[in-house]
Amino acid sequence: MAHIDIDLSLCNKDGLCISECPAFLLERGKNKFPVVAKDAAERCILCGHCIAVCPTGALSLTGRHASDLTPLDPALSASPEALEQFMCSRRSVRRFRDKPVERDLVRRCIDIARYAPSGVNTQPVNWIVAQDPDLMVLLVDLTAKSLRRLPYFMPYLNAWDQGVDLILRNAPQLVVAHAPKGGMDNASNCVVALAHFDLAAHALGLGTCWAGLFTHASGRSKAISSALCIPESHKIYGALMLGRPKYGFKRLPERKRPPVRFL
């Protein structure tokens, strides 16, 4: 089986696949048909742009044909105004209902988040969804212990000592992204994937909040990694509290204008 196969009877010679390939694996050959590089299998990052851009479905990639892929539905495209309101209306939710989000909805958010960009299409993100009540309490406690010596965090730690959870806000679930240590900027890869999960959850009426205290503590605490069965070769790069919002929001709060320079 060829790594990239081209059905010349379907190819219209428009050269889109050649132009879109980031690894320059295609070039024009005789009669302007695209020709695949001999080392394509070694250099291809499997981004799928060649097969996704072809209007006639002439290409297949590692045995996957255009008919195997999900077509884009123009009717589902959001207007710029609708998308603007959707993104601006996303809020950090800190008051959750007690019932955890159903697994199929969580999996749907992760399925959407797998389309987040990653360096050289490495797709290194691994996911853990903590939802056992005892585990959630343990994670808060381990976070508090890890941050105990840092004065800045004392208000959160004092609250936990009094039985008030300002660390994970009594969220029924915690979505954790981890990946191999090092790699090609796996910190950014995980954060971008979590941001996609964040917006997917918002679209499904779910609530999230970035678990910054937990993420900070996880870099200092082997006990947290152990509690979540994180491989020693991996690192936690980010996490989101997840649940159903207890309240709804009716309008957009103000945000300051960021400084911008065009050079």
C-alpha atoms as a PDB file:
ATOM      1  CA  MET A   1       0.000   0.000   0.000  1.00  0.00           C
ATOM      2  CA  ALA A   2       1.405   3.387  -1.031  1.00  0.00           C
ATOM      3  CA  HIS A   3       1.694   6.002   1.713  1.00  0.00           C
ATOM      4  CA  ILE A   4       0.000   8.551  -0.537  1.00  0.00           C
ATOM      5  CA  ASP A   5      -1.917   7.201  -3.491  1.00  0.00           C
ATOM      6  CA  ILE A   6      -3.387   9.311  -6.281  1.00  0.00           C
ATOM      7  CA  ASP A   7      -6.209   8.172  -8.553  1.00  0.00           C
ATOM      8  CA  LEU A   8      -5.237   9.898 -11.786  1.00  0.00           C
ATOM      9  CA  SER A   9      -8.718   9.307 -13.218  1.00  0.00           C
ATOM     10  CA  LEU A  10     -10.104  11.653 -10.565  1.00  0.00           C
ATOM     11  CA  CYS A  11      -7.249  14.167 -10.390  1.00  0.00           C
ATOM     12  CA  ASN A  12      -8.016  17.524 -12.047  1.00  0.00           C
ATOM     13  CA  LYS A  13      -4.378  18.726 -11.854  1.00  0.00           C
ATOM     14  CA  ASP A  14      -5.283  21.795  -9.788  1.00  0.00           C
ATOM     15  CA  GLY A  15      -2.142  21.398  -7.666  1.00  0.00           C
ATOM     16  CA  LEU A  16      -3.889  22.103  -4.355  1.00  0.00           C
ATOM     17  CA  CYS A  17      -2.406  19.038  -2.697  1.00  0.00           C
ATOM     18  CA  ILE A  18       1.068  20.140  -3.818  1.00  0.00           C
ATOM     19  CA  SER A  19       0.588  23.622  -2.437  1.00  0.00           C
ATOM     20  CA  GLU A  20      -0.906  22.485   0.869  1.00  0.00           C
ATOM     21  CA  CYS A  21       1.611  19.793   1.856  1.00  0.00           C
ATOM     22  CA  PRO A  22       3.789  21.299   4.641  1.00  0.00           C
ATOM     23  CA  ALA A  23       6.512  18.671   4.124  1.00  0.00           C
ATOM     24  CA  PHE A  24       6.778  19.215   0.338  1.00  0.00           C
ATOM     25  CA  LEU A  25       6.031  15.575  -0.424  1.00  0.00           C
ATOM     26  CA  LEU A  26       4.283  16.288  -3.723  1.00  0.00           C
ATOM     27  CA  GLU A  27       5.449  17.924  -6.926  1.00  0.00           C
ATOM     28  CA  ARG A  28       4.196  18.213 -10.476  1.00  0.00           C
ATOM     29  CA  GLY A  29       5.234  15.436 -12.801  1.00  0.00           C
ATOM     30  CA  LYS A  30       4.408  14.537 -16.376  1.00  0.00           C
ATOM     31  CA  ASN A  31       1.207  16.037 -17.697  1.00  0.00           C
ATOM     32  CA  LYS A  32       1.076  18.137 -14.478  1.00  0.00           C
ATOM     33  CA  PHE A  33      -0.136  15.213 -12.352  1.00  0.00           C
ATOM     34  CA  PRO A  34       1.218  15.275  -8.753  1.00  0.00           C
ATOM     35  CA  VAL A  35       4.070  12.885  -8.017  1.00  0.00           C
ATOM     36  CA  VAL A  36       4.749  11.561  -4.498  1.00  0.00           C
ATOM     37  CA  ALA A  37       8.258  11.730  -3.026  1.00  0.00           C
ATOM     38  CA  LYS A  38       9.934   8.360  -2.534  1.00  0.00           C
ATOM     39  CA  ASP A  39      10.547   9.042   1.173  1.00  0.00           C
ATOM     40  CA  ALA A  40       7.013  10.330   1.813  1.00  0.00           C
ATOM     41  CA  ALA A  41       6.321   7.708   4.479  1.00  0.00           C
ATOM     42  CA  GLU A  42       9.374   8.856   6.474  1.00  0.00           C
ATOM     43  CA  ARG A  43       8.760  12.608   6.207  1.00  0.00           C
ATOM     44  CA  CYS A  44       4.952  12.812   6.300  1.00  0.00           C
ATOM     45  CA  ILE A  45       3.466  14.253   9.516  1.00  0.00           C
ATOM     46  CA  LEU A  46       0.021  12.821   8.707  1.00  0.00           C
ATOM     47  CA  CYS A  47      -1.678  16.216   8.875  1.00  0.00           C
ATOM     48  CA  GLY A  48      -4.086  15.051   6.174  1.00  0.00           C
ATOM     49  CA  HIS A  49      -4.156  18.388   4.349  1.00  0.00           C
ATOM     50  CA  CYS A  50      -3.603  16.728   0.984  1.00  0.00           C
ATOM     51  CA  ILE A  51      -6.652  14.514   1.241  1.00  0.00           C
ATOM     52  CA  ALA A  52      -8.750  17.197   2.948  1.00  0.00           C
ATOM     53  CA  VAL A  53      -8.126  19.895   0.319  1.00  0.00           C
ATOM     54  CA  CYS A  54      -8.676  17.777  -2.807  1.00  0.00           C
ATOM     55  CA  PRO A  55     -12.087  18.709  -4.295  1.00  0.00           C
ATOM     56  CA  THR A  56     -12.354  15.500  -6.337  1.00  0.00           C
ATOM     57  CA  GLY A  57     -11.292  12.981  -3.695  1.00  0.00           C
ATOM     58  CA  ALA A  58      -8.406  11.753  -5.807  1.00  0.00           C
ATOM     59  CA  LEU A  59      -5.991  11.113  -2.929  1.00  0.00           C
ATOM     60  CA  SER A  60      -5.754   8.469  -0.246  1.00  0.00           C
ATOM     61  CA  LEU A  61      -3.420   8.620   2.738  1.00  0.00           C
ATOM     62  CA  THR A  62      -2.194   5.454   4.479  1.00  0.00           C
ATOM     63  CA  GLY A  63      -5.131   3.601   2.993  1.00  0.00           C
ATOM     64  CA  ARG A  64      -7.717   6.167   4.058  1.00  0.00           C
ATOM     65  CA  HIS A  65      -9.811   7.541   1.207  1.00  0.00           C
ATOM     66  CA  ALA A  66     -11.748  10.790   0.987  1.00  0.00           C
ATOM     67  CA  SER A  67     -14.972   8.820   1.398  1.00  0.00           C
ATOM     68  CA  ASP A  68     -13.712   7.651   4.808  1.00  0.00           C
ATOM     69  CA  LEU A  69     -13.494  11.212   6.130  1.00  0.00           C
ATOM     70  CA  THR A  70     -16.227  13.430   7.561  1.00  0.00           C
ATOM     71  CA  PRO A  71     -17.286  16.052   4.975  1.00  0.00           C
ATOM     72  CA  LEU A  72     -17.708  19.660   6.039  1.00  0.00           C
ATOM     73  CA  ASP A  73     -21.313  20.856   6.140  1.00  0.00           C
ATOM     74  CA  PRO A  74     -21.606  24.544   5.114  1.00  0.00           C
ATOM     75  CA  ALA A  75     -24.999  24.698   6.828  1.00  0.00           C
ATOM     76  CA  LEU A  76     -23.265  24.256  10.190  1.00  0.00           C
ATOM     77  CA  SER A  77     -20.900  27.196   9.699  1.00  0.00           C
ATOM     78  CA  ALA A  78     -21.366  29.930  12.313  1.00  0.00           C
ATOM     79  CA  SER A  79     -21.542  33.560  11.330  1.00  0.00           C
ATOM     80  CA  PRO A  80     -18.720  35.789  12.603  1.00  0.00           C
ATOM     81  CA  GLU A  81     -21.204  37.523  14.900  1.00  0.00           C
ATOM     82  CA  ALA A  82     -22.489  34.240  16.354  1.00  0.00           C
ATOM     83  CA  LEU A  83     -18.962  32.964  16.876  1.00  0.00           C
ATOM     84  CA  GLU A  84     -17.926  36.225  18.530  1.00  0.00           C
ATOM     85  CA  GLN A  85     -20.783  36.040  21.025  1.00  0.00           C
ATOM     86  CA  PHE A  86     -20.128  32.361  21.684  1.00  0.00           C
ATOM     87  CA  MET A  87     -16.446  32.878  22.460  1.00  0.00           C
ATOM     88  CA  CYS A  88     -16.996  36.023  24.503  1.00  0.00           C
ATOM     89  CA  SER A  89     -19.790  34.389  26.491  1.00  0.00           C
ATOM     90  CA  ARG A  90     -17.565  31.612  27.791  1.00  0.00           C
ATOM     91  CA  ARG A  91     -17.207  32.105  31.550  1.00  0.00           C
ATOM     92  CA  SER A  92     -15.101  30.541  34.290  1.00  0.00           C
ATOM     93  CA  VAL A  93     -17.620  28.540  36.290  1.00  0.00           C
ATOM     94  CA  ARG A  94     -16.946  28.218  40.011  1.00  0.00           C
ATOM     95  CA  ARG A  95     -20.365  27.031  41.171  1.00  0.00           C
ATOM     96  CA  PHE A  96     -21.281  23.560  39.986  1.00  0.00           C
ATOM     97  CA  ARG A  97     -24.199  21.219  40.326  1.00  0.00           C
ATOM     98  CA  ASP A  98     -23.409  18.050  42.257  1.00  0.00           C
ATOM     99  CA  LYS A  99     -24.035  15.579  39.421  1.00  0.00           C
ATOM    100  CA  PRO A 100     -21.007  14.780  37.221  1.00  0.00           C
ATOM    101  CA  VAL A 101     -21.133  15.254  33.468  1.00  0.00           C
ATOM    102  CA  GLU A 102     -22.047  12.106  31.568  1.00  0.00           C
ATOM    103  CA  ARG A 103     -19.082  10.234  30.123  1.00  0.00           C
ATOM    104  CA  ASP A 104     -20.360  10.418  26.560  1.00  0.00           C
ATOM    105  CA  LEU A 105     -20.386  14.227  26.742  1.00  0.00           C
ATOM    106  CA  VAL A 106     -16.881  14.312  28.215  1.00  0.00           C
ATOM    107  CA  ARG A 107     -15.688  11.991  25.448  1.00  0.00           C
ATOM    108  CA  ARG A 108     -17.350  14.243  22.892  1.00  0.00           C
ATOM    109  CA  CYS A 109     -15.382  17.237  24.190  1.00  0.00           C
ATOM    110  CA  ILE A 110     -12.154  15.242  24.048  1.00  0.00           C
ATOM    111  CA  ASP A 111     -13.018  14.051  20.549  1.00  0.00           C
ATOM    112  CA  ILE A 112     -13.339  17.686  19.473  1.00  0.00           C
ATOM    113  CA  ALA A 113     -10.153  18.657  21.319  1.00  0.00           C
ATOM    114  CA  ARG A 114      -8.123  16.075  19.390  1.00  0.00           C
ATOM    115  CA  TYR A 115      -8.375  18.438  16.411  1.00  0.00           C
ATOM    116  CA  ALA A 116      -6.417  21.095  18.295  1.00  0.00           C
ATOM    117  CA  PRO A 117      -3.132  21.949  16.567  1.00  0.00           C
ATOM    118  CA  SER A 118       0.060  20.430  17.932  1.00  0.00           C
ATOM    119  CA  GLY A 119       3.695  20.883  16.964  1.00  0.00           C
ATOM    120  CA  VAL A 120       4.445  18.923  13.780  1.00  0.00           C
ATOM    121  CA  ASN A 121       1.111  17.155  14.324  1.00  0.00           C
ATOM    122  CA  THR A 122       2.601  15.029  17.121  1.00  0.00           C
ATOM    123  CA  GLN A 123      -0.759  14.874  18.954  1.00  0.00           C
ATOM    124  CA  PRO A 124       0.970  14.059  22.273  1.00  0.00           C
ATOM    125  CA  VAL A 125      -1.893  14.872  24.662  1.00  0.00           C
ATOM    126  CA  ASN A 126      -3.167  12.201  27.039  1.00  0.00           C
ATOM    127  CA  TRP A 127      -6.334  12.727  29.063  1.00  0.00           C
ATOM    128  CA  ILE A 128      -7.437  11.755  32.551  1.00  0.00           C
ATOM    129  CA  VAL A 129     -10.903  12.532  33.896  1.00  0.00           C
ATOM    130  CA  ALA A 130     -11.008  12.343  37.682  1.00  0.00           C
ATOM    131  CA  GLN A 131     -14.521  12.047  39.083  1.00  0.00           C
ATOM    132  CA  ASP A 132     -14.407   9.680  42.044  1.00  0.00           C
ATOM    133  CA  PRO A 133     -15.455  11.878  45.010  1.00  0.00           C
ATOM    134  CA  ASP A 134     -12.723  10.521  47.282  1.00  0.00           C
ATOM    135  CA  LEU A 135     -10.100  11.100  44.587  1.00  0.00           C
ATOM    136  CA  MET A 136     -11.300  14.668  44.073  1.00  0.00           C
ATOM    137  CA  VAL A 137     -10.919  15.369  47.800  1.00  0.00           C
ATOM    138  CA  LEU A 138      -7.475  13.765  47.761  1.00  0.00           C
ATOM    139  CA  LEU A 139      -6.377  15.941  44.841  1.00  0.00           C
ATOM    140  CA  VAL A 140      -7.448  19.090  46.690  1.00  0.00           C
ATOM    141  CA  ASP A 141      -5.619  17.932  49.807  1.00  0.00           C
ATOM    142  CA  LEU A 142      -2.440  17.069  47.905  1.00  0.00           C
ATOM    143  CA  THR A 143      -2.583  20.436  46.140  1.00  0.00           C
ATOM    144  CA  ALA A 144      -2.884  22.221  49.479  1.00  0.00           C
ATOM    145  CA  LYS A 145       0.055  20.275  50.916  1.00  0.00           C
ATOM    146  CA  SER A 146       2.208  21.053  47.883  1.00  0.00           C
ATOM    147  CA  LEU A 147       1.528  24.785  48.118  1.00  0.00           C
ATOM    148  CA  ARG A 148       1.754  24.989  51.915  1.00  0.00           C
ATOM    149  CA  ARG A 149       5.123  26.768  51.979  1.00  0.00           C
ATOM    150  CA  LEU A 150       4.184  29.469  49.492  1.00  0.00           C
ATOM    151  CA  PRO A 151       2.721  32.523  51.287  1.00  0.00           C
ATOM    152  CA  TYR A 152       0.819  33.767  48.223  1.00  0.00           C
ATOM    153  CA  PHE A 153      -1.509  30.777  48.357  1.00  0.00           C
ATOM    154  CA  MET A 154      -2.306  30.942  52.092  1.00  0.00           C
ATOM    155  CA  PRO A 155      -5.903  32.266  51.687  1.00  0.00           C
ATOM    156  CA  TYR A 156      -6.763  29.167  49.630  1.00  0.00           C
ATOM    157  CA  LEU A 157      -4.994  26.862  52.061  1.00  0.00           C
ATOM    158  CA  ASN A 158      -6.587  28.428  55.124  1.00  0.00           C
ATOM    159  CA  ALA A 159      -9.992  28.041  53.495  1.00  0.00           C
ATOM    160  CA  TRP A 160      -9.311  24.344  52.864  1.00  0.00           C
ATOM    161  CA  ASP A 161      -8.266  23.910  56.498  1.00  0.00           C
ATOM    162  CA  GLN A 162     -11.744  25.182  57.369  1.00  0.00           C
ATOM    163  CA  GLY A 163     -13.435  22.797  54.949  1.00  0.00           C
ATOM    164  CA  VAL A 164     -13.986  25.299  52.125  1.00  0.00           C
ATOM    165  CA  ASP A 165     -12.685  24.232  48.706  1.00  0.00           C
ATOM    166  CA  LEU A 166     -11.330  27.224  46.809  1.00  0.00           C
ATOM    167  CA  ILE A 167      -8.859  24.997  44.945  1.00  0.00           C
ATOM    168  CA  LEU A 168     -11.156  22.826  42.805  1.00  0.00           C
ATOM    169  CA  ARG A 169     -14.367  24.613  43.831  1.00  0.00           C
ATOM    170  CA  ASN A 170     -16.189  21.354  44.605  1.00  0.00           C
ATOM    171  CA  ALA A 171     -16.247  20.543  40.902  1.00  0.00           C
ATOM    172  CA  PRO A 172     -17.534  17.024  40.294  1.00  0.00           C
ATOM    173  CA  GLN A 173     -14.780  16.319  37.757  1.00  0.00           C
ATOM    174  CA  LEU A 174     -11.261  17.358  36.851  1.00  0.00           C
ATOM    175  CA  VAL A 175      -9.972  17.006  33.284  1.00  0.00           C
ATOM    176  CA  VAL A 176      -6.194  16.621  33.238  1.00  0.00           C
ATOM    177  CA  ALA A 177      -3.928  16.852  30.179  1.00  0.00           C
ATOM    178  CA  HIS A 178      -0.525  15.188  30.366  1.00  0.00           C
ATOM    179  CA  ALA A 179       2.159  14.432  27.810  1.00  0.00           C
ATOM    180  CA  PRO A 180       5.771  13.275  27.607  1.00  0.00           C
ATOM    181  CA  LYS A 181       8.244  15.545  29.317  1.00  0.00           C
ATOM    182  CA  GLY A 182      10.088  17.754  26.872  1.00  0.00           C
ATOM    183  CA  GLY A 183       9.008  17.021  23.341  1.00  0.00           C
ATOM    184  CA  MET A 184       8.247  19.819  20.931  1.00  0.00           C
ATOM    185  CA  ASP A 185       6.651  22.266  23.384  1.00  0.00           C
ATOM    186  CA  ASN A 186       4.202  19.819  24.925  1.00  0.00           C
ATOM    187  CA  ALA A 187       3.188  22.481  27.433  1.00  0.00           C
ATOM    188  CA  SER A 188       1.654  24.519  24.614  1.00  0.00           C
ATOM    189  CA  ASN A 189       0.238  21.404  22.969  1.00  0.00           C
ATOM    190  CA  CYS A 190      -1.666  20.491  26.138  1.00  0.00           C
ATOM    191  CA  VAL A 191      -2.875  24.032  26.828  1.00  0.00           C
ATOM    192  CA  VAL A 192      -4.181  24.454  23.276  1.00  0.00           C
ATOM    193  CA  ALA A 193      -5.983  21.099  23.517  1.00  0.00           C
ATOM    194  CA  LEU A 194      -7.509  22.120  26.848  1.00  0.00           C
ATOM    195  CA  ALA A 195      -8.644  25.410  25.309  1.00  0.00           C
ATOM    196  CA  HIS A 196     -10.443  23.439  22.593  1.00  0.00           C
ATOM    197  CA  PHE A 197     -12.015  21.228  25.262  1.00  0.00           C
ATOM    198  CA  ASP A 198     -13.009  24.382  27.145  1.00  0.00           C
ATOM    199  CA  LEU A 199     -14.929  25.807  24.178  1.00  0.00           C
ATOM    200  CA  ALA A 200     -16.435  22.426  23.289  1.00  0.00           C
ATOM    201  CA  ALA A 201     -17.761  22.136  26.837  1.00  0.00           C
ATOM    202  CA  HIS A 202     -19.234  25.639  26.590  1.00  0.00           C
ATOM    203  CA  ALA A 203     -20.993  24.690  23.352  1.00  0.00           C
ATOM    204  CA  LEU A 204     -22.576  21.721  25.147  1.00  0.00           C
ATOM    205  CA  GLY A 205     -23.820  23.845  28.044  1.00  0.00           C
ATOM    206  CA  LEU A 206     -21.154  22.605  30.454  1.00  0.00           C
ATOM    207  CA  GLY A 207     -19.050  24.683  32.824  1.00  0.00           C
ATOM    208  CA  THR A 208     -15.272  24.773  33.185  1.00  0.00           C
ATOM    209  CA  CYS A 209     -12.620  26.641  35.106  1.00  0.00           C
ATOM    210  CA  TRP A 210      -8.879  26.427  34.643  1.00  0.00           C
ATOM    211  CA  ALA A 211      -7.346  24.642  37.633  1.00  0.00           C
ATOM    212  CA  GLY A 212      -4.266  26.807  37.992  1.00  0.00           C
ATOM    213  CA  LEU A 213      -3.535  25.962  41.635  1.00  0.00           C
ATOM    214  CA  PHE A 214      -3.725  22.240  40.918  1.00  0.00           C
ATOM    215  CA  THR A 215      -1.522  22.540  37.819  1.00  0.00           C
ATOM    216  CA  HIS A 216       1.072  24.571  39.698  1.00  0.00           C
ATOM    217  CA  ALA A 217       1.100  22.077  42.554  1.00  0.00           C
ATOM    218  CA  SER A 218       1.348  19.084  40.219  1.00  0.00           C
ATOM    219  CA  GLY A 219       4.766  20.261  39.087  1.00  0.00           C
ATOM    220  CA  ARG A 220       5.960  20.125  42.693  1.00  0.00           C
ATOM    221  CA  SER A 221       4.149  17.014  43.919  1.00  0.00           C
ATOM    222  CA  LYS A 222       4.979  13.442  42.952  1.00  0.00           C
ATOM    223  CA  ALA A 223       2.013  12.388  45.079  1.00  0.00           C
ATOM    224  CA  ILE A 224      -0.415  14.063  42.650  1.00  0.00           C
ATOM    225  CA  SER A 225       1.088  12.252  39.678  1.00  0.00           C
ATOM    226  CA  SER A 226       0.979   9.017  41.629  1.00  0.00           C
ATOM    227  CA  ALA A 227      -2.675   9.512  42.592  1.00  0.00           C
ATOM    228  CA  LEU A 228      -3.556   9.939  38.901  1.00  0.00           C
ATOM    229  CA  CYS A 229      -1.237   7.136  37.709  1.00  0.00           C
ATOM    230  CA  ILE A 230       0.749   9.523  35.497  1.00  0.00           C
ATOM    231  CA  PRO A 231       3.736   7.731  33.889  1.00  0.00           C
ATOM    232  CA  GLU A 232       7.116   8.886  35.179  1.00  0.00           C
ATOM    233  CA  SER A 233       8.040   9.957  31.652  1.00  0.00           C
ATOM    234  CA  HIS A 234       5.023  12.276  31.491  1.00  0.00           C
ATOM    235  CA  LYS A 235       4.120  15.591  33.082  1.00  0.00           C
ATOM    236  CA  ILE A 236       0.809  17.276  33.871  1.00  0.00           C
ATOM    237  CA  TYR A 237       0.645  20.447  31.780  1.00  0.00           C
ATOM    238  CA  GLY A 238      -2.841  21.687  32.590  1.00  0.00           C
ATOM    239  CA  ALA A 239      -6.269  20.865  33.969  1.00  0.00           C
ATOM    240  CA  LEU A 240      -9.873  22.059  33.895  1.00  0.00           C
ATOM    241  CA  MET A 241     -12.565  21.782  36.519  1.00  0.00           C
ATOM    242  CA  LEU A 242     -15.690  20.429  34.859  1.00  0.00           C
ATOM    243  CA  GLY A 243     -19.362  20.193  35.721  1.00  0.00           C
ATOM    244  CA  ARG A 244     -22.773  21.589  35.029  1.00  0.00           C
ATOM    245  CA  PRO A 245     -23.076  25.285  35.919  1.00  0.00           C
ATOM    246  CA  LYS A 246     -25.241  26.023  38.926  1.00  0.00           C
ATOM    247  CA  TYR A 247     -26.181  29.419  37.507  1.00  0.00           C
ATOM    248  CA  GLY A 248     -26.439  31.001  34.061  1.00  0.00           C
ATOM    249  CA  PHE A 249     -25.083  34.296  32.738  1.00  0.00           C
ATOM    250  CA  LYS A 250     -27.219  36.853  30.919  1.00  0.00           C
ATOM    251  CA  ARG A 251     -24.712  39.385  29.623  1.00  0.00           C
ATOM    252  CA  LEU A 252     -21.030  39.955  28.899  1.00  0.00           C
ATOM    253  CA  PRO A 253     -18.917  41.542  31.650  1.00  0.00           C
ATOM    254  CA  GLU A 254     -16.376  44.173  30.671  1.00  0.00           C
ATOM    255  CA  ARG A 255     -12.802  43.279  29.833  1.00  0.00           C
ATOM    256  CA  LYS A 256      -9.961  45.756  29.452  1.00  0.00           C
ATOM    257  CA  ARG A 257      -8.651  46.557  26.006  1.00  0.00           C
ATOM    258  CA  PRO A 258      -5.303  44.841  25.431  1.00  0.00           C
ATOM    259  CA  PRO A 259      -2.311  46.802  24.152  1.00  0.00           C
ATOM    260  CA  VAL A 260      -1.669  46.030  20.479  1.00  0.00           C
ATOM    261  CA  ARG A 261       1.188  47.016  18.217  1.00  0.00           C
ATOM    262  CA  PHE A 262       1.438  46.445  14.464  1.00  0.00           C
ATOM    263  CA  LEU A 263       4.998  46.637  13.209  1.00  0.00           C
END
